[in-house]
PDB file of all heavy atoms in Angstrom:
ATOM      1  N   ASN A   1     -14.376  -1.148 -16.474  1.00  0.00           N
ATOM      2  CA  ASN A   1     -14.323  -0.480 -17.777  1.00  0.00           C
ATOM      3  C   ASN A   1     -15.618  -0.657 -18.630  1.00  0.00           C
ATOM      4  O   ASN A   1     -15.609  -0.371 -19.805  1.00  0.00           O
ATOM      5  CB  ASN A   1     -13.103  -0.885 -18.585  1.00  0.00           C
ATOM      6  CG  ASN A   1     -11.838  -0.486 -17.902  1.00  0.00           C
ATOM      7  OD1 ASN A   1     -11.750   0.528 -17.231  1.00  0.00           O
ATOM      8  ND2 ASN A   1     -10.814  -1.347 -18.019  1.00  0.00           N
ATOM      9  N   THR A   2     -16.675  -1.138 -17.967  1.00  0.00           N
ATOM     10  CA  THR A   2     -17.980  -1.227 -18.598  1.00  0.00           C
ATOM     11  C   THR A   2     -19.009  -0.459 -17.705  1.00  0.00           C
ATOM     12  O   THR A   2     -19.737   0.384 -18.234  1.00  0.00           O
ATOM     13  CB  THR A   2     -18.402  -2.673 -18.785  1.00  0.00           C
ATOM     14  OG1 THR A   2     -17.459  -3.357 -19.603  1.00  0.00           O
ATOM     15  CG2 THR A   2     -19.789  -2.741 -19.457  1.00  0.00           C
ATOM     16  N   LEU A   3     -19.054  -0.757 -16.431  1.00  0.00           N
ATOM     17  CA  LEU A   3     -19.922  -0.053 -15.504  1.00  0.00           C
ATOM     18  C   LEU A   3     -19.093   0.871 -14.553  1.00  0.00           C
ATOM     19  O   LEU A   3     -19.480   1.974 -14.262  1.00  0.00           O
ATOM     20  CB  LEU A   3     -20.739  -1.040 -14.705  1.00  0.00           C
ATOM     21  CG  LEU A   3     -21.729  -1.891 -15.452  1.00  0.00           C
ATOM     22  CD1 LEU A   3     -22.461  -2.807 -14.502  1.00  0.00           C
ATOM     23  CD2 LEU A   3     -22.701  -1.065 -16.265  1.00  0.00           C
ATOM     24  N   LEU A   4     -17.954   0.328 -14.094  1.00  0.00           N
ATOM     25  CA  LEU A   4     -17.109   1.092 -13.153  1.00  0.00           C
ATOM     26  C   LEU A   4     -15.678   1.201 -13.728  1.00  0.00           C
ATOM     27  O   LEU A   4     -15.268   0.343 -14.517  1.00  0.00           O
ATOM     28  CB  LEU A   4     -17.076   0.430 -11.788  1.00  0.00           C
ATOM     29  CG  LEU A   4     -18.376   0.305 -11.001  1.00  0.00           C
ATOM     30  CD1 LEU A   4     -18.099  -0.368  -9.656  1.00  0.00           C
ATOM     31  CD2 LEU A   4     -19.064   1.665 -10.807  1.00  0.00           C
ATOM     32  N   VAL A   5     -14.968   2.219 -13.269  1.00  0.00           N
ATOM     33  CA  VAL A   5     -13.559   2.324 -13.616  1.00  0.00           C
ATOM     34  C   VAL A   5     -12.736   2.453 -12.298  1.00  0.00           C
ATOM     35  O   VAL A   5     -13.183   3.067 -11.345  1.00  0.00           O
ATOM     36  CB  VAL A   5     -13.289   3.560 -14.495  1.00  0.00           C
ATOM     37  CG1 VAL A   5     -13.847   3.348 -15.892  1.00  0.00           C
ATOM     38  CG2 VAL A   5     -13.859   4.816 -13.870  1.00  0.00           C
ATOM     39  N   SER A   6     -11.600   1.825 -12.318  1.00  0.00           N
ATOM     40  CA  SER A   6     -10.691   1.886 -11.195  1.00  0.00           C
ATOM     41  C   SER A   6      -9.608   2.911 -11.474  1.00  0.00           C
ATOM     42  O   SER A   6      -8.847   2.779 -12.456  1.00  0.00           O
ATOM     43  CB  SER A   6     -10.030   0.523 -10.915  1.00  0.00           C
ATOM     44  OG  SER A   6      -9.158   0.588  -9.831  1.00  0.00           O
ATOM     45  N   GLU A   7      -9.578   3.957 -10.709  1.00  0.00           N
ATOM     46  CA  GLU A   7      -8.604   5.032 -10.944  1.00  0.00           C
ATOM     47  C   GLU A   7      -7.201   4.586 -10.496  1.00  0.00           C
ATOM     48  O   GLU A   7      -7.040   3.717  -9.601  1.00  0.00           O
ATOM     49  CB  GLU A   7      -9.003   6.290 -10.166  1.00  0.00           C
ATOM     50  CG  GLU A   7     -10.406   6.791 -10.489  1.00  0.00           C
ATOM     51  CD  GLU A   7     -10.494   7.342 -11.927  1.00  0.00           C
ATOM     52  OE1 GLU A   7      -9.461   7.643 -12.490  1.00  0.00           O
ATOM     53  OE2 GLU A   7     -11.635   7.447 -12.430  1.00  0.00           O
ATOM     54  N   PRO A   8      -6.150   5.130 -11.088  1.00  0.00           N
ATOM     55  CA  PRO A   8      -4.767   4.808 -10.647  1.00  0.00           C
ATOM     56  C   PRO A   8      -4.580   5.121  -9.189  1.00  0.00           C
ATOM     57  O   PRO A   8      -5.268   5.986  -8.631  1.00  0.00           O
ATOM     58  CB  PRO A   8      -3.897   5.667 -11.539  1.00  0.00           C
ATOM     59  CG  PRO A   8      -4.741   5.977 -12.745  1.00  0.00           C
ATOM     60  CD  PRO A   8      -6.177   6.063 -12.210  1.00  0.00           C
ATOM     61  N   GLY A   9      -3.679   4.429  -8.557  1.00  0.00           N
ATOM     62  CA  GLY A   9      -3.350   4.737  -7.166  1.00  0.00           C
ATOM     63  C   GLY A   9      -3.558   3.591  -6.176  1.00  0.00           C
ATOM     64  O   GLY A   9      -3.409   3.787  -4.965  1.00  0.00           O
ATOM     65  N   GLY A  10      -3.976   2.419  -6.707  1.00  0.00           N
ATOM     66  CA  GLY A  10      -4.253   1.332  -5.840  1.00  0.00           C
ATOM     67  C   GLY A  10      -3.030   0.886  -5.037  1.00  0.00           C
ATOM     68  O   GLY A  10      -3.143   0.541  -3.841  1.00  0.00           O
ATOM     69  N   ILE A  11      -1.879   0.879  -5.674  1.00  0.00           N
ATOM     70  CA  ILE A  11      -0.650   0.521  -4.936  1.00  0.00           C
ATOM     71  C   ILE A  11      -0.398   1.491  -3.831  1.00  0.00           C
ATOM     72  O   ILE A  11       0.021   1.064  -2.737  1.00  0.00           O
ATOM     73  CB  ILE A  11       0.528   0.401  -5.949  1.00  0.00           C
ATOM     74  CG1 ILE A  11       0.370  -0.781  -6.865  1.00  0.00           C
ATOM     75  CG2 ILE A  11       1.865   0.380  -5.198  1.00  0.00           C
ATOM     76  CD1 ILE A  11       1.450  -0.902  -7.947  1.00  0.00           C
ATOM     77  N   ASP A  12      -0.586   2.745  -4.056  1.00  0.00           N
ATOM     78  CA  ASP A  12      -0.357   3.774  -3.035  1.00  0.00           C
ATOM     79  C   ASP A  12      -1.299   3.550  -1.831  1.00  0.00           C
ATOM     80  O   ASP A  12      -0.894   3.711  -0.683  1.00  0.00           O
ATOM     81  CB  ASP A  12      -0.529   5.173  -3.580  1.00  0.00           C
ATOM     82  CG  ASP A  12       0.529   5.556  -4.601  1.00  0.00           C
ATOM     83  OD1 ASP A  12       1.616   4.914  -4.572  1.00  0.00           O
ATOM     84  OD2 ASP A  12       0.277   6.417  -5.449  1.00  0.00           O
ATOM     85  N   VAL A  13      -2.549   3.263  -2.122  1.00  0.00           N
ATOM     86  CA  VAL A  13      -3.515   3.012  -1.056  1.00  0.00           C
ATOM     87  C   VAL A  13      -3.076   1.853  -0.190  1.00  0.00           C
ATOM     88  O   VAL A  13      -3.058   1.897   1.047  1.00  0.00           O
ATOM     89  CB  VAL A  13      -4.925   2.784  -1.640  1.00  0.00           C
ATOM     90  CG1 VAL A  13      -5.882   2.321  -0.529  1.00  0.00           C
ATOM     91  CG2 VAL A  13      -5.471   4.054  -2.257  1.00  0.00           C
ATOM     92  N   ARG A  14      -2.743   0.742  -0.829  1.00  0.00           N
ATOM     93  CA  ARG A  14      -2.337  -0.484  -0.087  1.00  0.00           C
ATOM     94  C   ARG A  14      -1.007  -0.242   0.660  1.00  0.00           C
ATOM     95  O   ARG A  14      -0.818  -0.754   1.743  1.00  0.00           O
ATOM     96  CB  ARG A  14      -2.273  -1.688  -1.053  1.00  0.00           C
ATOM     97  CG  ARG A  14      -3.647  -2.076  -1.556  1.00  0.00           C
ATOM     98  CD  ARG A  14      -3.611  -3.362  -2.397  1.00  0.00           C
ATOM     99  NE  ARG A  14      -4.930  -3.864  -2.544  1.00  0.00           N
ATOM    100  CZ  ARG A  14      -5.627  -3.876  -3.690  1.00  0.00           C
ATOM    101  NH1 ARG A  14      -5.056  -3.390  -4.790  1.00  0.00           N
ATOM    102  NH2 ARG A  14      -6.816  -4.390  -3.774  1.00  0.00           N
ATOM    103  N   ARG A  15      -0.123   0.534   0.042  1.00  0.00           N
ATOM    104  CA  ARG A  15       1.146   0.796   0.731  1.00  0.00           C
ATOM    105  C   ARG A  15       0.861   1.607   2.011  1.00  0.00           C
ATOM    106  O   ARG A  15       1.457   1.290   3.048  1.00  0.00           O
ATOM    107  CB  ARG A  15       2.080   1.615  -0.146  1.00  0.00           C
ATOM    108  CG  ARG A  15       3.462   1.838   0.479  1.00  0.00           C
ATOM    109  CD  ARG A  15       4.376   2.624  -0.428  1.00  0.00           C
ATOM    110  NE  ARG A  15       3.896   3.890  -0.721  1.00  0.00           N
ATOM    111  CZ  ARG A  15       3.785   4.388  -1.983  1.00  0.00           C
ATOM    112  NH1 ARG A  15       4.100   3.593  -3.020  1.00  0.00           N
ATOM    113  NH2 ARG A  15       3.314   5.606  -2.189  1.00  0.00           N
ATOM    114  N   GLY A  16      -0.044   2.523   1.977  1.00  0.00           N
ATOM    115  CA  GLY A  16      -0.358   3.282   3.159  1.00  0.00           C
ATOM    116  C   GLY A  16      -0.878   2.442   4.300  1.00  0.00           C
ATOM    117  O   GLY A  16      -0.545   2.566   5.481  1.00  0.00           O
ATOM    118  N   PHE A  17      -1.757   1.477   3.954  1.00  0.00           N
ATOM    119  CA  PHE A  17      -2.319   0.562   4.970  1.00  0.00           C
ATOM    120  C   PHE A  17      -1.220  -0.321   5.541  1.00  0.00           C
ATOM    121  O   PHE A  17      -1.177  -0.574   6.734  1.00  0.00           O
ATOM    122  CB  PHE A  17      -3.431  -0.267   4.337  1.00  0.00           C
ATOM    123  CG  PHE A  17      -4.811   0.402   4.418  1.00  0.00           C
ATOM    124  CD1 PHE A  17      -5.118   1.372   3.478  1.00  0.00           C
ATOM    125  CD2 PHE A  17      -5.745   0.097   5.341  1.00  0.00           C
ATOM    126  CE1 PHE A  17      -6.371   2.006   3.474  1.00  0.00           C
ATOM    127  CE2 PHE A  17      -6.968   0.713   5.394  1.00  0.00           C
ATOM    128  CZ  PHE A  17      -7.296   1.663   4.480  1.00  0.00           C
ATOM    129  N   TRP A  18      -0.357  -0.839   4.651  1.00  0.00           N
ATOM    130  CA  TRP A  18       0.725  -1.692   5.116  1.00  0.00           C
ATOM    131  C   TRP A  18       1.791  -0.949   5.941  1.00  0.00           C
ATOM    132  O   TRP A  18       2.338  -1.458   6.880  1.00  0.00           O
ATOM    133  CB  TRP A  18       1.331  -2.443   3.956  1.00  0.00           C
ATOM    134  CG  TRP A  18       0.668  -3.748   3.710  1.00  0.00           C
ATOM    135  CD1 TRP A  18      -0.482  -4.198   4.340  1.00  0.00           C
ATOM    136  CD2 TRP A  18       1.060  -4.789   2.784  1.00  0.00           C
ATOM    137  NE1 TRP A  18      -0.818  -5.422   3.877  1.00  0.00           N
ATOM    138  CE2 TRP A  18       0.106  -5.819   2.938  1.00  0.00           C
ATOM    139  CE3 TRP A  18       2.079  -4.913   1.915  1.00  0.00           C
ATOM    140  CZ2 TRP A  18       0.180  -6.973   2.181  1.00  0.00           C
ATOM    141  CZ3 TRP A  18       2.185  -6.060   1.114  1.00  0.00           C
ATOM    142  CH2 TRP A  18       1.234  -7.078   1.295  1.00  0.00           C
ATOM    143  N   GLU A  19       2.034   0.313   5.548  1.00  0.00           N
ATOM    144  CA  GLU A  19       3.010   1.118   6.307  1.00  0.00           C
ATOM    145  C   GLU A  19       2.526   1.327   7.722  1.00  0.00           C
ATOM    146  O   GLU A  19       3.387   1.362   8.691  1.00  0.00           O
ATOM    147  CB  GLU A  19       3.249   2.423   5.606  1.00  0.00           C
ATOM    148  CG  GLU A  19       4.132   2.345   4.350  1.00  0.00           C
ATOM    149  CD  GLU A  19       4.253   3.659   3.625  1.00  0.00           C
ATOM    150  OE1 GLU A  19       3.373   4.543   3.815  1.00  0.00           O
ATOM    151  OE2 GLU A  19       5.188   3.773   2.816  1.00  0.00           O
ATOM    152  N   SER A  20       1.269   1.449   7.923  1.00  0.00           N
ATOM    153  CA  SER A  20       0.714   1.620   9.300  1.00  0.00           C
ATOM    154  C   SER A  20       0.994   0.355  10.091  1.00  0.00           C
ATOM    155  O   SER A  20       1.365   0.438  11.301  1.00  0.00           O
ATOM    156  CB  SER A  20      -0.791   1.885   9.219  1.00  0.00           C
ATOM    157  OG  SER A  20      -1.054   3.137   8.615  1.00  0.00           O
ATOM    158  N   VAL A  21       0.795  -0.836   9.523  1.00  0.00           N
ATOM    159  CA  VAL A  21       1.075  -2.062  10.213  1.00  0.00           C
ATOM    160  C   VAL A  21       2.548  -2.204  10.508  1.00  0.00           C
ATOM    161  O   VAL A  21       2.927  -2.570  11.627  1.00  0.00           O
ATOM    162  CB  VAL A  21       0.591  -3.259   9.380  1.00  0.00           C
ATOM    163  CG1 VAL A  21       0.996  -4.594  10.048  1.00  0.00           C
ATOM    164  CG2 VAL A  21      -0.961  -3.213   9.213  1.00  0.00           C
ATOM    165  N   ILE A  22       3.378  -1.871   9.509  1.00  0.00           N
ATOM    166  CA  ILE A  22       4.826  -1.987   9.694  1.00  0.00           C
ATOM    167  C   ILE A  22       5.308  -1.071  10.828  1.00  0.00           C
ATOM    168  O   ILE A  22       6.127  -1.472  11.680  1.00  0.00           O
ATOM    169  CB  ILE A  22       5.531  -1.625   8.383  1.00  0.00           C
ATOM    170  CG1 ILE A  22       5.259  -2.711   7.350  1.00  0.00           C
ATOM    171  CG2 ILE A  22       7.018  -1.472   8.582  1.00  0.00           C
ATOM    172  CD1 ILE A  22       5.660  -2.372   5.924  1.00  0.00           C
ATOM    173  N   ASP A  23       4.797   0.148  10.887  1.00  0.00           N
ATOM    174  CA  ASP A  23       5.173   1.108  11.934  1.00  0.00           C
ATOM    175  C   ASP A  23       4.642   0.626  13.285  1.00  0.00           C
ATOM    176  O   ASP A  23       5.372   0.625  14.284  1.00  0.00           O
ATOM    177  CB  ASP A  23       4.665   2.492  11.606  1.00  0.00           C
ATOM    178  CG  ASP A  23       5.323   3.108  10.398  1.00  0.00           C
ATOM    179  OD1 ASP A  23       6.428   2.632  10.000  1.00  0.00           O
ATOM    180  OD2 ASP A  23       4.758   4.062   9.826  1.00  0.00           O
ATOM    181  N   ASP A  24       3.400   0.203  13.351  1.00  0.00           N
ATOM    182  CA  ASP A  24       2.808  -0.185  14.602  1.00  0.00           C
ATOM    183  C   ASP A  24       3.492  -1.405  15.197  1.00  0.00           C
ATOM    184  O   ASP A  24       3.629  -1.518  16.448  1.00  0.00           O
ATOM    185  CB  ASP A  24       1.319  -0.473  14.425  1.00  0.00           C
ATOM    186  CG  ASP A  24       0.486   0.747  14.168  1.00  0.00           C
ATOM    187  OD1 ASP A  24       1.018   1.874  14.376  1.00  0.00           O
ATOM    188  OD2 ASP A  24      -0.658   0.622  13.697  1.00  0.00           O
ATOM    189  N   ARG A  25       3.909  -2.319  14.370  1.00  0.00           N
ATOM    190  CA  ARG A  25       4.514  -3.560  14.885  1.00  0.00           C
ATOM    191  C   ARG A  25       6.015  -3.567  14.804  1.00  0.00           C
ATOM    192  O   ARG A  25       6.667  -4.550  15.226  1.00  0.00           O
ATOM    193  CB  ARG A  25       3.960  -4.753  14.023  1.00  0.00           C
ATOM    194  CG  ARG A  25       2.427  -4.855  14.065  1.00  0.00           C
ATOM    195  CD  ARG A  25       1.922  -6.058  13.314  1.00  0.00           C
ATOM    196  NE  ARG A  25       2.182  -7.269  14.050  1.00  0.00           N
ATOM    197  CZ  ARG A  25       1.398  -7.773  14.997  1.00  0.00           C
ATOM    198  NH1 ARG A  25       0.273  -7.148  15.343  1.00  0.00           N
ATOM    199  NH2 ARG A  25       1.705  -8.897  15.646  1.00  0.00           N
ATOM    200  N   GLY A  26       6.590  -2.456  14.357  1.00  0.00           N
ATOM    201  CA  GLY A  26       8.079  -2.352  14.306  1.00  0.00           C
ATOM    202  C   GLY A  26       8.724  -3.385  13.422  1.00  0.00           C
ATOM    203  O   GLY A  26       9.797  -3.916  13.748  1.00  0.00           O
ATOM    204  N   LEU A  27       8.134  -3.640  12.250  1.00  0.00           N
ATOM    205  CA  LEU A  27       8.644  -4.637  11.347  1.00  0.00           C
ATOM    206  C   LEU A  27       9.812  -4.121  10.530  1.00  0.00           C
ATOM    207  O   LEU A  27       9.868  -2.942  10.192  1.00  0.00           O
ATOM    208  CB  LEU A  27       7.537  -5.120  10.414  1.00  0.00           C
ATOM    209  CG  LEU A  27       6.308  -5.706  11.100  1.00  0.00           C
ATOM    210  CD1 LEU A  27       5.274  -6.102  10.054  1.00  0.00           C
ATOM    211  CD2 LEU A  27       6.659  -6.891  11.980  1.00  0.00           C
ATOM    212  N   ASP A  28      10.761  -5.009  10.265  1.00  0.00           N
ATOM    213  CA  ASP A  28      11.932  -4.665   9.476  1.00  0.00           C
ATOM    214  C   ASP A  28      11.673  -4.926   8.002  1.00  0.00           C
ATOM    215  O   ASP A  28      12.159  -5.863   7.403  1.00  0.00           O
ATOM    216  CB  ASP A  28      13.147  -5.499   9.974  1.00  0.00           C
ATOM    217  CG  ASP A  28      14.418  -5.203   9.154  1.00  0.00           C
ATOM    218  OD1 ASP A  28      14.500  -4.099   8.598  1.00  0.00           O
ATOM    219  OD2 ASP A  28      15.261  -6.107   9.061  1.00  0.00           O
ATOM    220  N   ILE A  29      10.792  -4.063   7.430  1.00  0.00           N
ATOM    221  CA  ILE A  29      10.508  -4.186   5.990  1.00  0.00           C
ATOM    222  C   ILE A  29      10.838  -2.797   5.403  1.00  0.00           C
ATOM    223  O   ILE A  29      10.061  -1.845   5.550  1.00  0.00           O
ATOM    224  CB  ILE A  29       9.006  -4.502   5.751  1.00  0.00           C
ATOM    225  CG1 ILE A  29       8.683  -5.862   6.399  1.00  0.00           C
ATOM    226  CG2 ILE A  29       8.667  -4.518   4.284  1.00  0.00           C
ATOM    227  CD1 ILE A  29       7.186  -6.242   6.269  1.00  0.00           C
ATOM    228  N   PRO A  30      11.976  -2.713   4.741  1.00  0.00           N
ATOM    229  CA  PRO A  30      12.382  -1.433   4.138  1.00  0.00           C
ATOM    230  C   PRO A  30      11.457  -0.967   3.016  1.00  0.00           C
ATOM    231  O   PRO A  30      10.768  -1.787   2.344  1.00  0.00           O
ATOM    232  CB  PRO A  30      13.777  -1.697   3.643  1.00  0.00           C
ATOM    233  CG  PRO A  30      13.873  -3.176   3.459  1.00  0.00           C
ATOM    234  CD  PRO A  30      12.969  -3.772   4.485  1.00  0.00           C
ATOM    235  N   PRO A  31      11.392   0.344   2.762  1.00  0.00           N
ATOM    236  CA  PRO A  31      10.465   0.862   1.745  1.00  0.00           C
ATOM    237  C   PRO A  31      10.662   0.245   0.382  1.00  0.00           C
ATOM    238  O   PRO A  31       9.679   0.049  -0.342  1.00  0.00           O
ATOM    239  CB  PRO A  31      10.794   2.369   1.737  1.00  0.00           C
ATOM    240  CG  PRO A  31      11.329   2.650   3.124  1.00  0.00           C
ATOM    241  CD  PRO A  31      12.066   1.406   3.503  1.00  0.00           C
ATOM    242  N   ASP A  32      11.928  -0.035  -0.022  1.00  0.00           N
ATOM    243  CA  ASP A  32      12.096  -0.547  -1.386  1.00  0.00           C
ATOM    244  C   ASP A  32      11.586  -1.982  -1.508  1.00  0.00           C
ATOM    245  O   ASP A  32      11.007  -2.364  -2.525  1.00  0.00           O
ATOM    246  CB  ASP A  32      13.581  -0.514  -1.752  1.00  0.00           C
ATOM    247  CG  ASP A  32      14.495  -1.265  -0.793  1.00  0.00           C
ATOM    248  OD1 ASP A  32      14.068  -1.533   0.342  1.00  0.00           O
ATOM    249  OD2 ASP A  32      15.656  -1.596  -1.192  1.00  0.00           O
ATOM    250  N   LEU A  33      11.688  -2.766  -0.447  1.00  0.00           N
ATOM    251  CA  LEU A  33      11.127  -4.111  -0.424  1.00  0.00           C
ATOM    252  C   LEU A  33       9.587  -4.028  -0.491  1.00  0.00           C
ATOM    253  O   LEU A  33       8.922  -4.783  -1.220  1.00  0.00           O
ATOM    254  CB  LEU A  33      11.600  -4.920   0.790  1.00  0.00           C
ATOM    255  CG  LEU A  33      10.958  -6.310   0.956  1.00  0.00           C
ATOM    256  CD1 LEU A  33      11.230  -7.213  -0.260  1.00  0.00           C
ATOM    257  CD2 LEU A  33      11.463  -6.952   2.249  1.00  0.00           C
ATOM    258  N   LEU A  34       9.028  -3.129   0.323  1.00  0.00           N
ATOM    259  CA  LEU A  34       7.604  -2.996   0.397  1.00  0.00           C
ATOM    260  C   LEU A  34       7.060  -2.641  -1.024  1.00  0.00           C
ATOM    261  O   LEU A  34       6.079  -3.214  -1.471  1.00  0.00           O
ATOM    262  CB  LEU A  34       7.216  -1.931   1.393  1.00  0.00           C
ATOM    263  CG  LEU A  34       5.724  -1.625   1.522  1.00  0.00           C
ATOM    264  CD1 LEU A  34       4.936  -2.829   1.952  1.00  0.00           C
ATOM    265  CD2 LEU A  34       5.533  -0.477   2.515  1.00  0.00           C
ATOM    266  N   GLN A  35       7.712  -1.668  -1.645  1.00  0.00           N
ATOM    267  CA  GLN A  35       7.266  -1.206  -2.942  1.00  0.00           C
ATOM    268  C   GLN A  35       7.352  -2.302  -3.989  1.00  0.00           C
ATOM    269  O   GLN A  35       6.455  -2.494  -4.816  1.00  0.00           O
ATOM    270  CB  GLN A  35       8.033  -0.006  -3.374  1.00  0.00           C
ATOM    271  CG  GLN A  35       7.555   0.629  -4.694  1.00  0.00           C
ATOM    272  CD  GLN A  35       6.200   1.253  -4.585  1.00  0.00           C
ATOM    273  OE1 GLN A  35       5.724   1.571  -3.518  1.00  0.00           O
ATOM    274  NE2 GLN A  35       5.565   1.474  -5.739  1.00  0.00           N
TER     275      GLN A  35
END
């Protein structure tokens, strides 16, 4: 907020990366727990 700004959506980005791991490894982590 002085030189750079972080736009909203960081949680969505990280969720996408973690969902790939969860799917690839067949983990029992439901969406509500992940969120």
